[in-house]
Amino acid sequence: MNTLESELDIAHSIELIRGRLNRRKPLASTSRRMRRSVGVQHDDNPTRALDALMLGDALLGYGHNMSLNNMAIMENLMTMAIMEANYEVPTGKNTLAWYDAFIQCLRDLGCFIADDGYTRYSERSTRVDMDYVISDIVKGIIDGVKASVPAVSVLGAVVDTTLEGLKKDDKTLALYNGQVKTAEGARLSVIPCEQLANGVLIASSTSIRQHGTSSNGGVLFVNWQASARDIFRGKSFVTFNPARYEEFRGEIEEYLGEHRRQVLRQRFSRRRLA
């Protein structure tokens, strides 16, 4: 796994993180006073039962091997990156800029990004099957790195069960649907996470923004329809050594403890129901 370790030394990473926190704190406090968080589930700690969560327009699903501590670490890294991207690209309309800001924050945190590509394409269709779009992107990420990290194939199962769990949780599905759908279409991300035998954390981040000229107002993943769509697809494969986290745990958790509820929306069960 040495080739999948960040080249950024820990001292430099800490310097970059402190700079971000110092810039963000006063603005985040103002934003929190101005906006009420609707539908927030006040459960800030990962659990075995609720092994998936909704962070704004992103879904995180944890694999079976993730320890509770590493679930919290990955969640905090992704929360920080989402908050920073929202701060740097507040409207979210410039999808490429938002995605680049998200990836750069993960790099500053000490993550190794093996693939941060993106594509744009347009097509006409009567139905948008988000399940298939997301699964295809994740499988593409897996195919690109499985030669060096065979265990990455588990991420495919995590994303599948995360989406299945979402579909079977009516409250979260409705909340997520309202969060990601806009007048311009939809923007969503799905991030399956797992822990390797050597303790290194792996994840794939799949981001999609869809512009549809018309829709039936249906629920994403279930009955969403559009007559035309322009889809931006961002993909990345991320690894992180949790030992690095200990060097800045106190600072980042103090900051996130104040502001993370801006993006934390709901926890739900990733696992398929019997």
C-alpha atoms as a PDB file:
ATOM      1  CA  MET A   1       0.000   0.000   0.000  1.00  0.00           C
ATOM      2  CA  ASN A   2       2.975   2.333   0.046  1.00  0.00           C
ATOM      3  CA  THR A   3       2.204   3.451  -3.502  1.00  0.00           C
ATOM      4  CA  LEU A   4      -1.281   4.482  -2.350  1.00  0.00           C
ATOM      5  CA  GLU A   5      -0.081   6.697   0.502  1.00  0.00           C
ATOM      6  CA  SER A   6      -0.301  10.465   0.265  1.00  0.00           C
ATOM      7  CA  GLU A   7       2.932  12.203  -0.722  1.00  0.00           C
ATOM      8  CA  LEU A   8       1.945  15.114   1.525  1.00  0.00           C
ATOM      9  CA  ASP A   9       3.843  14.928   4.816  1.00  0.00           C
ATOM     10  CA  ILE A  10       1.833  15.225   7.998  1.00  0.00           C
ATOM     11  CA  ALA A  11       3.314  18.583   9.042  1.00  0.00           C
ATOM     12  CA  HIS A  12       2.302  20.168   5.739  1.00  0.00           C
ATOM     13  CA  SER A  13      -1.133  18.575   5.958  1.00  0.00           C
ATOM     14  CA  ILE A  14      -1.665  20.026   9.427  1.00  0.00           C
ATOM     15  CA  GLU A  15      -0.612  23.456   8.174  1.00  0.00           C
ATOM     16  CA  LEU A  16      -3.133  23.292   5.307  1.00  0.00           C
ATOM     17  CA  ILE A  17      -5.915  22.077   7.586  1.00  0.00           C
ATOM     18  CA  ARG A  18      -5.303  24.819  10.154  1.00  0.00           C
ATOM     19  CA  GLY A  19      -5.439  27.403   7.377  1.00  0.00           C
ATOM     20  CA  ARG A  20      -8.801  26.042   6.224  1.00  0.00           C
ATOM     21  CA  LEU A  21     -10.226  25.970   9.741  1.00  0.00           C
ATOM     22  CA  ASN A  22      -9.118  29.527  10.490  1.00  0.00           C
ATOM     23  CA  ARG A  23     -10.756  30.796   7.290  1.00  0.00           C
ATOM     24  CA  ARG A  24     -13.917  28.787   7.771  1.00  0.00           C
ATOM     25  CA  LYS A  25     -14.822  29.213  11.446  1.00  0.00           C
ATOM     26  CA  PRO A  26     -16.361  32.725  11.432  1.00  0.00           C
ATOM     27  CA  LEU A  27     -18.222  32.195   8.159  1.00  0.00           C
ATOM     28  CA  ALA A  28     -19.548  28.806   9.226  1.00  0.00           C
ATOM     29  CA  SER A  29     -20.864  30.292  12.476  1.00  0.00           C
ATOM     30  CA  THR A  30     -22.724  33.005  10.561  1.00  0.00           C
ATOM     31  CA  SER A  31     -24.147  30.484   8.109  1.00  0.00           C
ATOM     32  CA  ARG A  32     -25.362  28.258  10.919  1.00  0.00           C
ATOM     33  CA  ARG A  33     -27.240  31.170  12.531  1.00  0.00           C
ATOM     34  CA  MET A  34     -28.857  32.122   9.227  1.00  0.00           C
ATOM     35  CA  ARG A  35     -30.040  28.660   8.157  1.00  0.00           C
ATOM     36  CA  ARG A  36     -32.044  26.116  10.084  1.00  0.00           C
ATOM     37  CA  SER A  37     -31.206  22.478   9.479  1.00  0.00           C
ATOM     38  CA  VAL A  38     -34.409  20.687   8.541  1.00  0.00           C
ATOM     39  CA  GLY A  39     -34.875  16.996   9.228  1.00  0.00           C
ATOM     40  CA  VAL A  40     -31.549  16.549  11.016  1.00  0.00           C
ATOM     41  CA  GLN A  41     -31.266  13.355  13.013  1.00  0.00           C
ATOM     42  CA  HIS A  42     -29.411  14.257  16.196  1.00  0.00           C
ATOM     43  CA  ASP A  43     -27.220  11.157  16.236  1.00  0.00           C
ATOM     44  CA  ASP A  44     -23.634  12.210  15.702  1.00  0.00           C
ATOM     45  CA  ASN A  45     -21.987   8.822  16.195  1.00  0.00           C
ATOM     46  CA  PRO A  46     -21.765   5.926  13.701  1.00  0.00           C
ATOM     47  CA  THR A  47     -23.306   2.635  14.832  1.00  0.00           C
ATOM     48  CA  ARG A  48     -23.377  -0.936  13.573  1.00  0.00           C
ATOM     49  CA  ALA A  49     -27.132  -0.779  13.099  1.00  0.00           C
ATOM     50  CA  LEU A  50     -27.141   2.555  11.255  1.00  0.00           C
ATOM     51  CA  ASP A  51     -24.209   1.906   8.932  1.00  0.00           C
ATOM     52  CA  ALA A  52     -25.065   4.463   6.251  1.00  0.00           C
ATOM     53  CA  LEU A  53     -25.761   8.160   6.399  1.00  0.00           C
ATOM     54  CA  MET A  54     -26.825  11.160   4.398  1.00  0.00           C
ATOM     55  CA  LEU A  55     -24.472  14.150   4.332  1.00  0.00           C
ATOM     56  CA  GLY A  56     -26.239  16.840   2.356  1.00  0.00           C
ATOM     57  CA  ASP A  57     -26.588  15.377  -1.136  1.00  0.00           C
ATOM     58  CA  ALA A  58     -24.056  12.597  -0.440  1.00  0.00           C
ATOM     59  CA  LEU A  59     -24.690   9.051   0.763  1.00  0.00           C
ATOM     60  CA  LEU A  60     -21.975   7.250   2.752  1.00  0.00           C
ATOM     61  CA  GLY A  61     -22.125   3.496   3.234  1.00  0.00           C
ATOM     62  CA  TYR A  62     -19.712   1.594   5.494  1.00  0.00           C
ATOM     63  CA  GLY A  63     -18.533  -1.953   4.788  1.00  0.00           C
ATOM     64  CA  HIS A  64     -18.639  -4.771   7.339  1.00  0.00           C
ATOM     65  CA  ASN A  65     -14.909  -4.505   8.182  1.00  0.00           C
ATOM     66  CA  MET A  66     -14.982  -0.865   9.265  1.00  0.00           C
ATOM     67  CA  SER A  67     -14.371  -0.292  12.980  1.00  0.00           C
ATOM     68  CA  LEU A  68     -16.549   2.312  14.680  1.00  0.00           C
ATOM     69  CA  ASN A  69     -13.499   4.557  15.105  1.00  0.00           C
ATOM     70  CA  ASN A  70     -12.609   4.349  11.417  1.00  0.00           C
ATOM     71  CA  MET A  71     -16.232   4.907  10.431  1.00  0.00           C
ATOM     72  CA  ALA A  72     -16.091   8.157  12.380  1.00  0.00           C
ATOM     73  CA  ILE A  73     -12.752   9.108  10.811  1.00  0.00           C
ATOM     74  CA  MET A  74     -13.978   8.584   7.248  1.00  0.00           C
ATOM     75  CA  GLU A  75     -17.204  10.414   8.038  1.00  0.00           C
ATOM     76  CA  ASN A  76     -15.277  13.397   9.400  1.00  0.00           C
ATOM     77  CA  LEU A  77     -12.965  13.528   6.387  1.00  0.00           C
ATOM     78  CA  MET A  78     -15.895  13.507   3.970  1.00  0.00           C
ATOM     79  CA  THR A  79     -17.849  16.013   6.061  1.00  0.00           C
ATOM     80  CA  MET A  80     -14.893  18.392   6.075  1.00  0.00           C
ATOM     81  CA  ALA A  81     -14.410  18.069   2.306  1.00  0.00           C
ATOM     82  CA  ILE A  82     -18.121  18.608   1.602  1.00  0.00           C
ATOM     83  CA  MET A  83     -18.267  21.656   3.860  1.00  0.00           C
ATOM     84  CA  GLU A  84     -15.170  23.144   2.242  1.00  0.00           C
ATOM     85  CA  ALA A  85     -16.539  22.570  -1.265  1.00  0.00           C
ATOM     86  CA  ASN A  86     -19.848  24.166  -0.248  1.00  0.00           C
ATOM     87  CA  TYR A  87     -17.908  27.105   1.163  1.00  0.00           C
ATOM     88  CA  GLU A  88     -15.758  27.612  -1.950  1.00  0.00           C
ATOM     89  CA  VAL A  89     -18.599  26.996  -4.455  1.00  0.00           C
ATOM     90  CA  PRO A  90     -21.680  28.068  -2.449  1.00  0.00           C
ATOM     91  CA  THR A  91     -24.371  27.765  -5.116  1.00  0.00           C
ATOM     92  CA  GLY A  92     -23.214  24.335  -6.255  1.00  0.00           C
ATOM     93  CA  LYS A  93     -24.116  25.174  -9.844  1.00  0.00           C
ATOM     94  CA  ASN A  94     -20.529  24.946 -11.087  1.00  0.00           C
ATOM     95  CA  THR A  95     -20.254  21.209 -10.626  1.00  0.00           C
ATOM     96  CA  LEU A  96     -16.679  20.886 -11.853  1.00  0.00           C
ATOM     97  CA  ALA A  97     -15.445  23.627  -9.498  1.00  0.00           C
ATOM     98  CA  TRP A  98     -17.314  22.051  -6.582  1.00  0.00           C
ATOM     99  CA  TYR A  99     -15.891  18.621  -7.355  1.00  0.00           C
ATOM    100  CA  ASP A 100     -12.340  19.995  -7.662  1.00  0.00           C
ATOM    101  CA  ALA A 101     -12.685  21.793  -4.312  1.00  0.00           C
ATOM    102  CA  PHE A 102     -13.951  18.577  -2.680  1.00  0.00           C
ATOM    103  CA  ILE A 103     -11.024  16.537  -4.030  1.00  0.00           C
ATOM    104  CA  GLN A 104      -8.425  19.176  -3.106  1.00  0.00           C
ATOM    105  CA  CYS A 105      -9.631  19.244   0.500  1.00  0.00           C
ATOM    106  CA  LEU A 106      -9.312  15.457   0.715  1.00  0.00           C
ATOM    107  CA  ARG A 107      -5.740  15.796  -0.565  1.00  0.00           C
ATOM    108  CA  ASP A 108      -4.981  18.463   2.051  1.00  0.00           C
ATOM    109  CA  LEU A 109      -6.304  16.113   4.711  1.00  0.00           C
ATOM    110  CA  GLY A 110      -3.747  13.520   3.636  1.00  0.00           C
ATOM    111  CA  CYS A 111      -5.868  11.280   1.418  1.00  0.00           C
ATOM    112  CA  PHE A 112      -4.319   9.638  -1.612  1.00  0.00           C
ATOM    113  CA  ILE A 113      -6.504  10.169  -4.702  1.00  0.00           C
ATOM    114  CA  ALA A 114      -5.805   7.475  -7.280  1.00  0.00           C
ATOM    115  CA  ASP A 115      -8.411   8.617  -9.806  1.00  0.00           C
ATOM    116  CA  ASP A 116     -10.114  12.005  -9.917  1.00  0.00           C
ATOM    117  CA  GLY A 117     -11.475  11.973 -13.433  1.00  0.00           C
ATOM    118  CA  TYR A 118     -14.790  13.268 -14.667  1.00  0.00           C
ATOM    119  CA  THR A 119     -16.816  13.142 -17.853  1.00  0.00           C
ATOM    120  CA  ARG A 120     -19.697  15.020 -19.418  1.00  0.00           C
ATOM    121  CA  TYR A 121     -22.133  13.674 -21.925  1.00  0.00           C
ATOM    122  CA  SER A 122     -25.666  14.282 -23.160  1.00  0.00           C
ATOM    123  CA  GLU A 123     -28.306  11.805 -24.196  1.00  0.00           C
ATOM    124  CA  ARG A 124     -32.046  11.487 -24.590  1.00  0.00           C
ATOM    125  CA  SER A 125     -34.013   8.988 -22.577  1.00  0.00           C
ATOM    126  CA  THR A 126     -37.439   8.473 -21.070  1.00  0.00           C
ATOM    127  CA  ARG A 127     -36.011   7.205 -17.818  1.00  0.00           C
ATOM    128  CA  VAL A 128     -32.979   7.903 -15.645  1.00  0.00           C
ATOM    129  CA  ASP A 129     -31.928   4.823 -13.681  1.00  0.00           C
ATOM    130  CA  MET A 130     -29.596   6.357 -11.132  1.00  0.00           C
ATOM    131  CA  ASP A 131     -28.807   2.912  -9.711  1.00  0.00           C
ATOM    132  CA  TYR A 132     -27.223   1.846 -12.972  1.00  0.00           C
ATOM    133  CA  VAL A 133     -25.408   5.133 -13.565  1.00  0.00           C
ATOM    134  CA  ILE A 134     -23.817   5.012 -10.106  1.00  0.00           C
ATOM    135  CA  SER A 135     -23.015   1.294 -10.276  1.00  0.00           C
ATOM    136  CA  ASP A 136     -21.352   1.726 -13.663  1.00  0.00           C
ATOM    137  CA  ILE A 137     -19.151   4.528 -12.343  1.00  0.00           C
ATOM    138  CA  VAL A 138     -18.151   2.576  -9.240  1.00  0.00           C
ATOM    139  CA  LYS A 139     -17.365  -0.515 -11.303  1.00  0.00           C
ATOM    140  CA  GLY A 140     -15.209   1.619 -13.568  1.00  0.00           C
ATOM    141  CA  ILE A 141     -13.269   2.898 -10.566  1.00  0.00           C
ATOM    142  CA  ILE A 142     -12.832  -0.644  -9.251  1.00  0.00           C
ATOM    143  CA  ASP A 143     -11.611  -1.941 -12.614  1.00  0.00           C
ATOM    144  CA  GLY A 144      -9.013   0.809 -12.727  1.00  0.00           C
ATOM    145  CA  VAL A 145      -7.348  -0.039  -9.412  1.00  0.00           C
ATOM    146  CA  LYS A 146      -8.172  -3.660  -8.579  1.00  0.00           C
ATOM    147  CA  ALA A 147      -4.847  -4.901  -9.981  1.00  0.00           C
ATOM    148  CA  SER A 148      -2.975  -2.997  -7.251  1.00  0.00           C
ATOM    149  CA  VAL A 149      -5.689  -3.314  -4.575  1.00  0.00           C
ATOM    150  CA  PRO A 150      -7.674  -6.544  -5.114  1.00  0.00           C
ATOM    151  CA  ALA A 151      -9.794  -5.875  -2.013  1.00  0.00           C
ATOM    152  CA  VAL A 152     -11.294  -2.785  -3.650  1.00  0.00           C
ATOM    153  CA  SER A 153     -13.928  -4.996  -5.253  1.00  0.00           C
ATOM    154  CA  VAL A 154     -15.849  -4.966  -1.955  1.00  0.00           C
ATOM    155  CA  LEU A 155     -16.861  -1.358  -2.644  1.00  0.00           C
ATOM    156  CA  GLY A 156     -19.258  -2.552  -5.334  1.00  0.00           C
ATOM    157  CA  ALA A 157     -21.247  -4.544  -2.780  1.00  0.00           C
ATOM    158  CA  VAL A 158     -21.252  -1.637  -0.331  1.00  0.00           C
ATOM    159  CA  VAL A 159     -22.716   0.789  -2.874  1.00  0.00           C
ATOM    160  CA  ASP A 160     -25.378  -1.741  -3.901  1.00  0.00           C
ATOM    161  CA  THR A 161     -26.525  -2.346  -0.333  1.00  0.00           C
ATOM    162  CA  THR A 162     -26.402   1.378   0.462  1.00  0.00           C
ATOM    163  CA  LEU A 163     -28.842   2.113  -2.363  1.00  0.00           C
ATOM    164  CA  GLU A 164     -31.037  -0.847  -1.408  1.00  0.00           C
ATOM    165  CA  GLY A 165     -31.116   0.329   2.196  1.00  0.00           C
ATOM    166  CA  LEU A 166     -32.056   3.833   1.071  1.00  0.00           C
ATOM    167  CA  LYS A 167     -34.974   2.533  -1.021  1.00  0.00           C
ATOM    168  CA  LYS A 168     -36.359   0.623   1.970  1.00  0.00           C
ATOM    169  CA  ASP A 169     -36.176   3.569   4.351  1.00  0.00           C
ATOM    170  CA  ASP A 170     -39.072   5.784   3.302  1.00  0.00           C
ATOM    171  CA  LYS A 171     -38.197   8.666   5.601  1.00  0.00           C
ATOM    172  CA  THR A 172     -34.580   8.914   4.434  1.00  0.00           C
ATOM    173  CA  LEU A 173     -35.522   8.360   0.786  1.00  0.00           C
ATOM    174  CA  ALA A 174     -37.998  11.238   0.903  1.00  0.00           C
ATOM    175  CA  LEU A 175     -35.484  13.472   2.708  1.00  0.00           C
ATOM    176  CA  TYR A 176     -32.707  12.626   0.257  1.00  0.00           C
ATOM    177  CA  ASN A 177     -34.987  13.112  -2.717  1.00  0.00           C
ATOM    178  CA  GLY A 178     -35.895  16.601  -1.508  1.00  0.00           C
ATOM    179  CA  GLN A 179     -32.239  17.431  -0.831  1.00  0.00           C
ATOM    180  CA  VAL A 180     -30.779  16.465  -4.217  1.00  0.00           C
ATOM    181  CA  LYS A 181     -33.529  17.506  -6.624  1.00  0.00           C
ATOM    182  CA  THR A 182     -33.542  21.095  -7.791  1.00  0.00           C
ATOM    183  CA  ALA A 183     -35.254  23.075 -10.529  1.00  0.00           C
ATOM    184  CA  GLU A 184     -32.270  22.227 -12.727  1.00  0.00           C
ATOM    185  CA  GLY A 185     -32.379  18.479 -12.194  1.00  0.00           C
ATOM    186  CA  ALA A 186     -30.458  16.623  -9.494  1.00  0.00           C
ATOM    187  CA  ARG A 187     -27.039  16.451  -7.889  1.00  0.00           C
ATOM    188  CA  LEU A 188     -25.966  13.524  -5.788  1.00  0.00           C
ATOM    189  CA  SER A 189     -22.953  11.577  -4.577  1.00  0.00           C
ATOM    190  CA  VAL A 190     -22.550   8.024  -3.304  1.00  0.00           C
ATOM    191  CA  ILE A 191     -19.442   7.130  -1.277  1.00  0.00           C
ATOM    192  CA  PRO A 192     -18.901   3.474  -0.294  1.00  0.00           C
ATOM    193  CA  CYS A 193     -16.170   3.026   2.347  1.00  0.00           C
ATOM    194  CA  GLU A 194     -14.278  -0.021   3.595  1.00  0.00           C
ATOM    195  CA  GLN A 195     -11.269  -0.906   5.747  1.00  0.00           C
ATOM    196  CA  LEU A 196      -8.463  -3.102   4.412  1.00  0.00           C
ATOM    197  CA  ALA A 197      -6.772  -5.822   6.457  1.00  0.00           C
ATOM    198  CA  ASN A 198      -3.786  -3.531   7.083  1.00  0.00           C
ATOM    199  CA  GLY A 199      -6.052  -0.814   8.509  1.00  0.00           C
ATOM    200  CA  VAL A 200      -5.953   1.534   5.509  1.00  0.00           C
ATOM    201  CA  LEU A 201      -9.336   3.049   4.633  1.00  0.00           C
ATOM    202  CA  ILE A 202     -10.593   2.974   1.055  1.00  0.00           C
ATOM    203  CA  ALA A 203     -13.528   4.714  -0.582  1.00  0.00           C
ATOM    204  CA  SER A 204     -14.830   5.635  -3.991  1.00  0.00           C
ATOM    205  CA  SER A 205     -16.579   8.959  -4.456  1.00  0.00           C
ATOM    206  CA  THR A 206     -19.133   9.038  -7.252  1.00  0.00           C
ATOM    207  CA  SER A 207     -20.653  12.450  -8.006  1.00  0.00           C
ATOM    208  CA  ILE A 208     -23.391  13.112 -10.543  1.00  0.00           C
ATOM    209  CA  ARG A 209     -25.167  16.266 -11.627  1.00  0.00           C
ATOM    210  CA  GLN A 210     -28.061  15.810 -13.998  1.00  0.00           C
ATOM    211  CA  HIS A 211     -29.865  18.533 -15.925  1.00  0.00           C
ATOM    212  CA  GLY A 212     -33.201  17.281 -17.215  1.00  0.00           C
ATOM    213  CA  THR A 213     -35.461  19.353 -19.455  1.00  0.00           C
ATOM    214  CA  SER A 214     -38.528  17.755 -17.918  1.00  0.00           C
ATOM    215  CA  SER A 215     -39.377  15.194 -15.273  1.00  0.00           C
ATOM    216  CA  ASN A 216     -42.347  13.474 -13.766  1.00  0.00           C
ATOM    217  CA  GLY A 217     -41.422  14.644 -10.300  1.00  0.00           C
ATOM    218  CA  GLY A 218     -40.741  11.062  -9.244  1.00  0.00           C
ATOM    219  CA  VAL A 219     -38.343   9.787  -6.620  1.00  0.00           C
ATOM    220  CA  LEU A 220     -34.705   9.288  -7.561  1.00  0.00           C
ATOM    221  CA  PHE A 221     -33.677   5.604  -7.780  1.00  0.00           C
ATOM    222  CA  VAL A 222     -37.343   4.600  -7.998  1.00  0.00           C
ATOM    223  CA  ASN A 223     -39.332   6.373 -10.703  1.00  0.00           C
ATOM    224  CA  TRP A 224     -37.412   9.440 -11.839  1.00  0.00           C
ATOM    225  CA  GLN A 225     -37.993  10.297 -15.503  1.00  0.00           C
ATOM    226  CA  ALA A 226     -36.601  12.966 -17.818  1.00  0.00           C
ATOM    227  CA  SER A 227     -36.904  13.580 -21.526  1.00  0.00           C
ATOM    228  CA  ALA A 228     -33.309  14.733 -21.868  1.00  0.00           C
ATOM    229  CA  ARG A 229     -30.343  15.028 -19.583  1.00  0.00           C
ATOM    230  CA  ASP A 230     -26.849  16.411 -19.440  1.00  0.00           C
ATOM    231  CA  ILE A 231     -24.905  14.418 -16.863  1.00  0.00           C
ATOM    232  CA  PHE A 232     -21.642  15.385 -15.209  1.00  0.00           C
ATOM    233  CA  ARG A 233     -19.922  12.385 -13.652  1.00  0.00           C
ATOM    234  CA  GLY A 234     -17.074  12.754 -11.215  1.00  0.00           C
ATOM    235  CA  LYS A 235     -15.246   9.744  -9.854  1.00  0.00           C
ATOM    236  CA  SER A 236     -12.377   9.212  -7.473  1.00  0.00           C
ATOM    237  CA  PHE A 237     -10.701   6.375  -5.597  1.00  0.00           C
ATOM    238  CA  VAL A 238      -9.507   7.476  -2.165  1.00  0.00           C
ATOM    239  CA  THR A 239      -7.256   5.842   0.415  1.00  0.00           C
ATOM    240  CA  PHE A 240      -6.356   7.145   3.865  1.00  0.00           C
ATOM    241  CA  ASN A 241      -4.081   5.882   6.620  1.00  0.00           C
ATOM    242  CA  PRO A 242      -5.988   6.523   9.873  1.00  0.00           C
ATOM    243  CA  ALA A 243      -2.697   6.876  11.776  1.00  0.00           C
ATOM    244  CA  ARG A 244      -2.356  10.314  10.140  1.00  0.00           C
ATOM    245  CA  TYR A 245      -5.670  11.390  11.636  1.00  0.00           C
ATOM    246  CA  GLU A 246      -4.346  11.252  15.188  1.00  0.00           C
ATOM    247  CA  GLU A 247      -2.048  14.192  14.445  1.00  0.00           C
ATOM    248  CA  PHE A 248      -4.964  16.587  13.883  1.00  0.00           C
ATOM    249  CA  ARG A 249      -7.878  14.749  15.527  1.00  0.00           C
ATOM    250  CA  GLY A 250      -8.424  17.368  18.250  1.00  0.00           C
ATOM    251  CA  GLU A 251      -8.520  20.386  15.946  1.00  0.00           C
ATOM    252  CA  ILE A 252     -10.740  18.920  13.251  1.00  0.00           C
ATOM    253  CA  GLU A 253     -13.194  17.312  15.684  1.00  0.00           C
ATOM    254  CA  GLU A 254     -13.538  20.505  17.706  1.00  0.00           C
ATOM    255  CA  TYR A 255     -14.368  22.369  14.506  1.00  0.00           C
ATOM    256  CA  LEU A 256     -16.726  19.737  13.119  1.00  0.00           C
ATOM    257  CA  GLY A 257     -18.440  19.410  16.476  1.00  0.00           C
ATOM    258  CA  GLU A 258     -19.686  22.974  16.057  1.00  0.00           C
ATOM    259  CA  HIS A 259     -20.582  22.926  12.381  1.00  0.00           C
ATOM    260  CA  ARG A 260     -21.120  19.412  11.017  1.00  0.00           C
ATOM    261  CA  ARG A 261     -24.888  19.498  11.504  1.00  0.00           C
ATOM    262  CA  GLN A 262     -25.028  21.826   8.534  1.00  0.00           C
ATOM    263  CA  VAL A 263     -24.541  18.736   6.370  1.00  0.00           C
ATOM    264  CA  LEU A 264     -25.510  15.764   8.582  1.00  0.00           C
ATOM    265  CA  ARG A 265     -29.080  14.835   7.718  1.00  0.00           C
ATOM    266  CA  GLN A 266     -29.933  11.223   8.521  1.00  0.00           C
ATOM    267  CA  ARG A 267     -28.546   7.806   9.400  1.00  0.00           C
ATOM    268  CA  PHE A 268     -30.066   4.588   8.119  1.00  0.00           C
ATOM    269  CA  SER A 269     -29.311   0.888   7.742  1.00  0.00           C
ATOM    270  CA  ARG A 270     -27.176  -0.015   4.750  1.00  0.00           C
ATOM    271  CA  ARG A 271     -27.864  -3.721   5.036  1.00  0.00           C
ATOM    272  CA  ARG A 272     -30.532  -5.443   3.009  1.00  0.00           C
ATOM    273  CA  LEU A 273     -33.635  -6.390   4.953  1.00  0.00           C
ATOM    274  CA  ALA A 274     -34.247 -10.141   5.247  1.00  0.00           C
END
